[in-house]
Amino acid sequence: LGLFGLTDTVKLAEAELSNAVAALKNGQID
């Protein structure tokens, strides 16, 4: 994100990676 100039434009979700699939499916994250 830093290399591609996205650090200040991407919103980071405060969650563990183990929750990623569920969060993706229910629309909590992109």
PDB file of all heavy atoms in Angstrom:
ATOM      1  N   LEU A   1       0.835  -1.202   0.000  1.00  0.00           N
ATOM      2  CA  LEU A   1       0.000   0.000   0.000  1.00  0.00           C
ATOM      3  C   LEU A   1       0.868   1.249   0.000  1.00  0.00           C
ATOM      4  O   LEU A   1       0.571   2.231  -0.679  1.00  0.00           O
ATOM      5  CB  LEU A   1      -0.936   0.002   1.204  1.00  0.00           C
ATOM      6  CG  LEU A   1      -2.006  -1.094   1.245  1.00  0.00           C
ATOM      7  CD1 LEU A   1      -2.859  -0.949   2.499  1.00  0.00           C
ATOM      8  CD2 LEU A   1      -2.880  -1.071  -0.008  1.00  0.00           C
ATOM      9  N   GLY A   2       1.965   1.203   0.752  1.00  0.00           N
ATOM     10  CA  GLY A   2       2.900   2.325   0.770  1.00  0.00           C
ATOM     11  C   GLY A   2       3.620   2.483  -0.555  1.00  0.00           C
ATOM     12  O   GLY A   2       3.753   3.605  -1.081  1.00  0.00           O
ATOM     13  N   LEU A   3       4.067   1.368  -1.136  1.00  0.00           N
ATOM     14  CA  LEU A   3       4.798   1.415  -2.405  1.00  0.00           C
ATOM     15  C   LEU A   3       3.940   1.975  -3.529  1.00  0.00           C
ATOM     16  O   LEU A   3       4.432   2.659  -4.426  1.00  0.00           O
ATOM     17  CB  LEU A   3       5.271   0.008  -2.779  1.00  0.00           C
ATOM     18  CG  LEU A   3       6.397  -0.604  -1.950  1.00  0.00           C
ATOM     19  CD1 LEU A   3       6.615  -2.055  -2.362  1.00  0.00           C
ATOM     20  CD2 LEU A   3       7.688   0.182  -2.124  1.00  0.00           C
ATOM     21  N   PHE A   4       2.637   1.686  -3.489  1.00  0.00           N
ATOM     22  CA  PHE A   4       1.749   2.092  -4.572  1.00  0.00           C
ATOM     23  C   PHE A   4       0.981   3.372  -4.251  1.00  0.00           C
ATOM     24  O   PHE A   4       0.037   3.735  -4.955  1.00  0.00           O
ATOM     25  CB  PHE A   4       0.757   0.967  -4.894  1.00  0.00           C
ATOM     26  CG  PHE A   4       1.401  -0.367  -5.186  1.00  0.00           C
ATOM     27  CD1 PHE A   4       0.719  -1.549  -4.959  1.00  0.00           C
ATOM     28  CD2 PHE A   4       2.700  -0.445  -5.687  1.00  0.00           C
ATOM     29  CE1 PHE A   4       1.308  -2.784  -5.222  1.00  0.00           C
ATOM     30  CE2 PHE A   4       3.303  -1.668  -5.951  1.00  0.00           C
ATOM     31  CZ  PHE A   4       2.603  -2.839  -5.715  1.00  0.00           C
ATOM     32  N   GLY A   5       1.395   4.093  -3.179  1.00  0.00           N
ATOM     33  CA  GLY A   5       0.795   5.380  -2.847  1.00  0.00           C
ATOM     34  C   GLY A   5      -0.632   5.298  -2.347  1.00  0.00           C
ATOM     35  O   GLY A   5      -1.433   6.217  -2.588  1.00  0.00           O
ATOM     36  N   LEU A   6      -0.966   4.218  -1.623  1.00  0.00           N
ATOM     37  CA  LEU A   6      -2.346   3.999  -1.197  1.00  0.00           C
ATOM     38  C   LEU A   6      -2.543   4.066   0.314  1.00  0.00           C
ATOM     39  O   LEU A   6      -3.661   3.874   0.800  1.00  0.00           O
ATOM     40  CB  LEU A   6      -2.826   2.631  -1.702  1.00  0.00           C
ATOM     41  CG  LEU A   6      -2.926   2.472  -3.226  1.00  0.00           C
ATOM     42  CD1 LEU A   6      -3.045   0.997  -3.596  1.00  0.00           C
ATOM     43  CD2 LEU A   6      -4.120   3.248  -3.762  1.00  0.00           C
ATOM     44  N   THR A   7      -1.467   4.329   1.050  1.00  0.00           N
ATOM     45  CA  THR A   7      -1.539   4.284   2.511  1.00  0.00           C
ATOM     46  C   THR A   7      -2.638   5.171   3.076  1.00  0.00           C
ATOM     47  O   THR A   7      -3.368   4.774   3.988  1.00  0.00           O
ATOM     48  CB  THR A   7      -0.182   4.676   3.120  1.00  0.00           C
ATOM     49  OG1 THR A   7       0.815   3.746   2.663  1.00  0.00           O
ATOM     50  CG2 THR A   7      -0.234   4.643   4.634  1.00  0.00           C
ATOM     51  N   ASP A   8      -2.772   6.370   2.533  1.00  0.00           N
ATOM     52  CA  ASP A   8      -3.737   7.333   3.090  1.00  0.00           C
ATOM     53  C   ASP A   8      -5.124   7.239   2.455  1.00  0.00           C
ATOM     54  O   ASP A   8      -6.041   7.951   2.870  1.00  0.00           O
ATOM     55  CB  ASP A   8      -3.197   8.767   2.918  1.00  0.00           C
ATOM     56  CG  ASP A   8      -1.906   8.988   3.688  1.00  0.00           C
ATOM     57  OD1 ASP A   8      -1.752   8.379   4.761  1.00  0.00           O
ATOM     58  OD2 ASP A   8      -1.055   9.762   3.197  1.00  0.00           O
ATOM     59  N   THR A   9      -5.284   6.363   1.475  1.00  0.00           N
ATOM     60  CA  THR A   9      -6.569   6.309   0.779  1.00  0.00           C
ATOM     61  C   THR A   9      -7.345   5.018   1.032  1.00  0.00           C
ATOM     62  O   THR A   9      -8.539   4.943   0.737  1.00  0.00           O
ATOM     63  CB  THR A   9      -6.373   6.473  -0.738  1.00  0.00           C
ATOM     64  OG1 THR A   9      -5.558   5.405  -1.232  1.00  0.00           O
ATOM     65  CG2 THR A   9      -5.713   7.802  -1.055  1.00  0.00           C
ATOM     66  N   VAL A  10      -6.668   4.005   1.557  1.00  0.00           N
ATOM     67  CA  VAL A  10      -7.322   2.728   1.846  1.00  0.00           C
ATOM     68  C   VAL A  10      -7.723   2.675   3.316  1.00  0.00           C
ATOM     69  O   VAL A  10      -6.952   3.047   4.199  1.00  0.00           O
ATOM     70  CB  VAL A  10      -6.393   1.543   1.510  1.00  0.00           C
ATOM     71  CG1 VAL A  10      -6.962   0.228   2.057  1.00  0.00           C
ATOM     72  CG2 VAL A  10      -6.186   1.434   0.004  1.00  0.00           C
ATOM     73  N   LYS A  11      -8.930   2.227   3.584  1.00  0.00           N
ATOM     74  CA  LYS A  11      -9.399   2.070   4.955  1.00  0.00           C
ATOM     75  C   LYS A  11      -9.057   0.653   5.419  1.00  0.00           C
ATOM     76  O   LYS A  11      -9.410  -0.324   4.763  1.00  0.00           O
ATOM     77  CB  LYS A  11     -10.917   2.282   5.027  1.00  0.00           C
ATOM     78  CG  LYS A  11     -11.382   3.633   4.502  1.00  0.00           C
ATOM     79  CD  LYS A  11     -12.912   3.685   4.421  1.00  0.00           C
ATOM     80  CE  LYS A  11     -13.387   4.975   3.779  1.00  0.00           C
ATOM     81  NZ  LYS A  11     -14.874   4.993   3.614  1.00  0.00           N
ATOM     82  N   LEU A  12      -8.373   0.571   6.566  1.00  0.00           N
ATOM     83  CA  LEU A  12      -7.972  -0.737   7.085  1.00  0.00           C
ATOM     84  C   LEU A  12      -8.966  -1.220   8.127  1.00  0.00           C
ATOM     85  O   LEU A  12      -9.259  -0.511   9.089  1.00  0.00           O
ATOM     86  CB  LEU A  12      -6.565  -0.668   7.687  1.00  0.00           C
ATOM     87  CG  LEU A  12      -5.437  -0.293   6.715  1.00  0.00           C
ATOM     88  CD1 LEU A  12      -4.104  -0.307   7.445  1.00  0.00           C
ATOM     89  CD2 LEU A  12      -5.410  -1.260   5.531  1.00  0.00           C
ATOM     90  N   ALA A  13      -9.466  -2.427   7.942  1.00  0.00           N
ATOM     91  CA  ALA A  13     -10.427  -3.007   8.889  1.00  0.00           C
ATOM     92  C   ALA A  13      -9.686  -3.516  10.119  1.00  0.00           C
ATOM     93  O   ALA A  13      -8.619  -4.127  10.005  1.00  0.00           O
ATOM     94  CB  ALA A  13     -11.185  -4.153   8.229  1.00  0.00           C
ATOM     95  N   GLU A  14     -10.249  -3.261  11.294  1.00  0.00           N
ATOM     96  CA  GLU A  14      -9.658  -3.722  12.552  1.00  0.00           C
ATOM     97  C   GLU A  14     -10.231  -5.097  12.881  1.00  0.00           C
ATOM     98  O   GLU A  14     -11.206  -5.231  13.607  1.00  0.00           O
ATOM     99  CB  GLU A  14      -9.948  -2.727  13.672  1.00  0.00           C
ATOM    100  CG  GLU A  14      -9.235  -1.395  13.521  1.00  0.00           C
ATOM    101  CD  GLU A  14      -7.720  -1.534  13.658  1.00  0.00           C
ATOM    102  OE1 GLU A  14      -7.283  -2.439  14.405  1.00  0.00           O
ATOM    103  OE2 GLU A  14      -6.981  -0.761  13.030  1.00  0.00           O
ATOM    104  N   ALA A  15      -9.642  -6.126  12.316  1.00  0.00           N
ATOM    105  CA  ALA A  15     -10.118  -7.488  12.555  1.00  0.00           C
ATOM    106  C   ALA A  15      -8.994  -8.473  12.248  1.00  0.00           C
ATOM    107  O   ALA A  15      -8.014  -8.128  11.579  1.00  0.00           O
ATOM    108  CB  ALA A  15     -11.336  -7.790  11.684  1.00  0.00           C
ATOM    109  N   GLU A  16      -9.142  -9.686  12.759  1.00  0.00           N
ATOM    110  CA  GLU A  16      -8.164 -10.729  12.498  1.00  0.00           C
ATOM    111  C   GLU A  16      -8.425 -11.356  11.131  1.00  0.00           C
ATOM    112  O   GLU A  16      -9.568 -11.390  10.645  1.00  0.00           O
ATOM    113  CB  GLU A  16      -8.237 -11.807  13.576  1.00  0.00           C
ATOM    114  CG  GLU A  16      -7.895 -11.322  14.975  1.00  0.00           C
ATOM    115  CD  GLU A  16      -6.444 -10.867  15.108  1.00  0.00           C
ATOM    116  OE1 GLU A  16      -5.592 -11.380  14.336  1.00  0.00           O
ATOM    117  OE2 GLU A  16      -6.161 -10.019  15.971  1.00  0.00           O
ATOM    118  N   LEU A  17      -7.364 -11.872  10.519  1.00  0.00           N
ATOM    119  CA  LEU A  17      -7.492 -12.477   9.190  1.00  0.00           C
ATOM    120  C   LEU A  17      -8.444 -13.676   9.223  1.00  0.00           C
ATOM    121  O   LEU A  17      -9.081 -13.999   8.216  1.00  0.00           O
ATOM    122  CB  LEU A  17      -6.117 -12.905   8.673  1.00  0.00           C
ATOM    123  CG  LEU A  17      -6.046 -13.407   7.237  1.00  0.00           C
ATOM    124  CD1 LEU A  17      -6.503 -12.332   6.255  1.00  0.00           C
ATOM    125  CD2 LEU A  17      -4.640 -13.877   6.886  1.00  0.00           C
ATOM    126  N   SER A  18      -8.553 -14.333  10.362  1.00  0.00           N
ATOM    127  CA  SER A  18      -9.454 -15.485  10.475  1.00  0.00           C
ATOM    128  C   SER A  18     -10.915 -15.098  10.229  1.00  0.00           C
ATOM    129  O   SER A  18     -11.751 -15.946   9.921  1.00  0.00           O
ATOM    130  CB  SER A  18      -9.322 -16.139  11.855  1.00  0.00           C
ATOM    131  OG  SER A  18      -9.583 -15.200  12.882  1.00  0.00           O
ATOM    132  N   ASN A  19     -11.219 -13.813  10.361  1.00  0.00           N
ATOM    133  CA  ASN A  19     -12.588 -13.332  10.131  1.00  0.00           C
ATOM    134  C   ASN A  19     -12.804 -12.813   8.709  1.00  0.00           C
ATOM    135  O   ASN A  19     -13.896 -12.330   8.386  1.00  0.00           O
ATOM    136  CB  ASN A  19     -12.917 -12.198  11.113  1.00  0.00           C
ATOM    137  CG  ASN A  19     -12.842 -12.663  12.558  1.00  0.00           C
ATOM    138  OD1 ASN A  19     -13.229 -13.777  12.873  1.00  0.00           O
ATOM    139  ND2 ASN A  19     -12.346 -11.800  13.436  1.00  0.00           N
ATOM    140  N   ALA A  20     -11.779 -12.907   7.864  1.00  0.00           N
ATOM    141  CA  ALA A  20     -11.818 -12.242   6.562  1.00  0.00           C
ATOM    142  C   ALA A  20     -12.930 -12.765   5.656  1.00  0.00           C
ATOM    143  O   ALA A  20     -13.654 -11.975   5.034  1.00  0.00           O
ATOM    144  CB  ALA A  20     -10.472 -12.384   5.863  1.00  0.00           C
ATOM    145  N   VAL A  21     -13.066 -14.065   5.554  1.00  0.00           N
ATOM    146  CA  VAL A  21     -14.044 -14.617   4.616  1.00  0.00           C
ATOM    147  C   VAL A  21     -15.461 -14.228   5.015  1.00  0.00           C
ATOM    148  O   VAL A  21     -16.256 -13.781   4.174  1.00  0.00           O
ATOM    149  CB  VAL A  21     -13.904 -16.150   4.529  1.00  0.00           C
ATOM    150  CG1 VAL A  21     -15.024 -16.730   3.665  1.00  0.00           C
ATOM    151  CG2 VAL A  21     -12.543 -16.533   3.947  1.00  0.00           C
ATOM    152  N   ALA A  22     -15.785 -14.357   6.298  1.00  0.00           N
ATOM    153  CA  ALA A  22     -17.117 -13.981   6.764  1.00  0.00           C
ATOM    154  C   ALA A  22     -17.376 -12.492   6.548  1.00  0.00           C
ATOM    155  O   ALA A  22     -18.461 -12.092   6.113  1.00  0.00           O
ATOM    156  CB  ALA A  22     -17.274 -14.340   8.247  1.00  0.00           C
ATOM    157  N   ALA A  23     -16.368 -11.666   6.849  1.00  0.00           N
ATOM    158  CA  ALA A  23     -16.525 -10.222   6.679  1.00  0.00           C
ATOM    159  C   ALA A  23     -16.700  -9.841   5.215  1.00  0.00           C
ATOM    160  O   ALA A  23     -17.449  -8.913   4.880  1.00  0.00           O
ATOM    161  CB  ALA A  23     -15.316  -9.496   7.272  1.00  0.00           C
ATOM    162  N   LEU A  24     -16.018 -10.565   4.335  1.00  0.00           N
ATOM    163  CA  LEU A  24     -16.150 -10.303   2.898  1.00  0.00           C
ATOM    164  C   LEU A  24     -17.555 -10.667   2.424  1.00  0.00           C
ATOM    165  O   LEU A  24     -18.195  -9.902   1.688  1.00  0.00           O
ATOM    166  CB  LEU A  24     -15.102 -11.110   2.124  1.00  0.00           C
ATOM    167  CG  LEU A  24     -14.999 -10.804   0.616  1.00  0.00           C
ATOM    168  CD1 LEU A  24     -14.207  -9.519   0.398  1.00  0.00           C
ATOM    169  CD2 LEU A  24     -14.324 -11.955  -0.128  1.00  0.00           C
ATOM    170  N   LYS A  25     -18.034 -11.815   2.854  1.00  0.00           N
ATOM    171  CA  LYS A  25     -19.332 -12.293   2.382  1.00  0.00           C
ATOM    172  C   LYS A  25     -20.487 -11.427   2.866  1.00  0.00           C
ATOM    173  O   LYS A  25     -21.478 -11.255   2.148  1.00  0.00           O
ATOM    174  CB  LYS A  25     -19.527 -13.748   2.823  1.00  0.00           C
ATOM    175  CG  LYS A  25     -18.628 -14.726   2.078  1.00  0.00           C
ATOM    176  CD  LYS A  25     -18.893 -16.161   2.493  1.00  0.00           C
ATOM    177  CE  LYS A  25     -18.033 -17.118   1.686  1.00  0.00           C
ATOM    178  NZ  LYS A  25     -18.274 -18.540   2.047  1.00  0.00           N
ATOM    179  N   ASN A  26     -20.363 -10.883   4.103  1.00  0.00           N
ATOM    180  CA  ASN A  26     -21.486 -10.073   4.601  1.00  0.00           C
ATOM    181  C   ASN A  26     -21.332  -8.584   4.302  1.00  0.00           C
ATOM    182  O   ASN A  26     -22.112  -7.764   4.788  1.00  0.00           O
ATOM    183  CB  ASN A  26     -21.709 -10.304   6.101  1.00  0.00           C
ATOM    184  CG  ASN A  26     -20.523  -9.876   6.955  1.00  0.00           C
ATOM    185  OD1 ASN A  26     -19.777  -8.978   6.594  1.00  0.00           O
ATOM    186  ND2 ASN A  26     -20.354 -10.526   8.098  1.00  0.00           N
ATOM    187  N   GLY A  27     -20.303  -8.238   3.509  1.00  0.00           N
ATOM    188  CA  GLY A  27     -20.161  -6.866   3.045  1.00  0.00           C
ATOM    189  C   GLY A  27     -19.502  -5.906   4.013  1.00  0.00           C
ATOM    190  O   GLY A  27     -19.479  -4.701   3.761  1.00  0.00           O
ATOM    191  N   GLN A  28     -18.897  -6.411   5.095  1.00  0.00           N
ATOM    192  CA  GLN A  28     -18.207  -5.529   6.043  1.00  0.00           C
ATOM    193  C   GLN A  28     -16.913  -4.981   5.469  1.00  0.00           C
ATOM    194  O   GLN A  28     -16.459  -3.903   5.865  1.00  0.00           O
ATOM    195  CB  GLN A  28     -17.915  -6.282   7.343  1.00  0.00           C
ATOM    196  CG  GLN A  28     -19.140  -6.584   8.187  1.00  0.00           C
ATOM    197  CD  GLN A  28     -18.776  -7.361   9.430  1.00  0.00           C
ATOM    198  OE1 GLN A  28     -18.379  -8.527   9.371  1.00  0.00           O
ATOM    199  NE2 GLN A  28     -18.900  -6.711  10.578  1.00  0.00           N
ATOM    200  N   ILE A  29     -16.296  -5.729   4.561  1.00  0.00           N
ATOM    201  CA  ILE A  29     -15.059  -5.286   3.924  1.00  0.00           C
ATOM    202  C   ILE A  29     -15.192  -5.466   2.414  1.00  0.00           C
ATOM    203  O   ILE A  29     -16.039  -6.234   1.935  1.00  0.00           O
ATOM    204  CB  ILE A  29     -13.828  -6.074   4.426  1.00  0.00           C
ATOM    205  CG1 ILE A  29     -14.008  -7.584   4.153  1.00  0.00           C
ATOM    206  CG2 ILE A  29     -13.575  -5.807   5.910  1.00  0.00           C
ATOM    207  CD1 ILE A  29     -12.790  -8.433   4.506  1.00  0.00           C
ATOM    208  N   ASP A  30     -14.351  -4.744   1.682  1.00  0.00           N
ATOM    209  CA  ASP A  30     -14.324  -4.896   0.229  1.00  0.00           C
ATOM    210  C   ASP A  30     -13.329  -5.958  -0.216  1.00  0.00           C
ATOM    211  O   ASP A  30     -13.438  -6.480  -1.328  1.00  0.00           O
ATOM    212  CB  ASP A  30     -13.953  -3.559  -0.425  1.00  0.00           C
ATOM    213  CG  ASP A  30     -14.991  -2.479  -0.155  1.00  0.00           C
ATOM    214  OD1 ASP A  30     -16.173  -2.700  -0.476  1.00  0.00           O
ATOM    215  OD2 ASP A  30     -14.617  -1.425   0.407  1.00  0.00           O
TER     216      ASP A  30
END
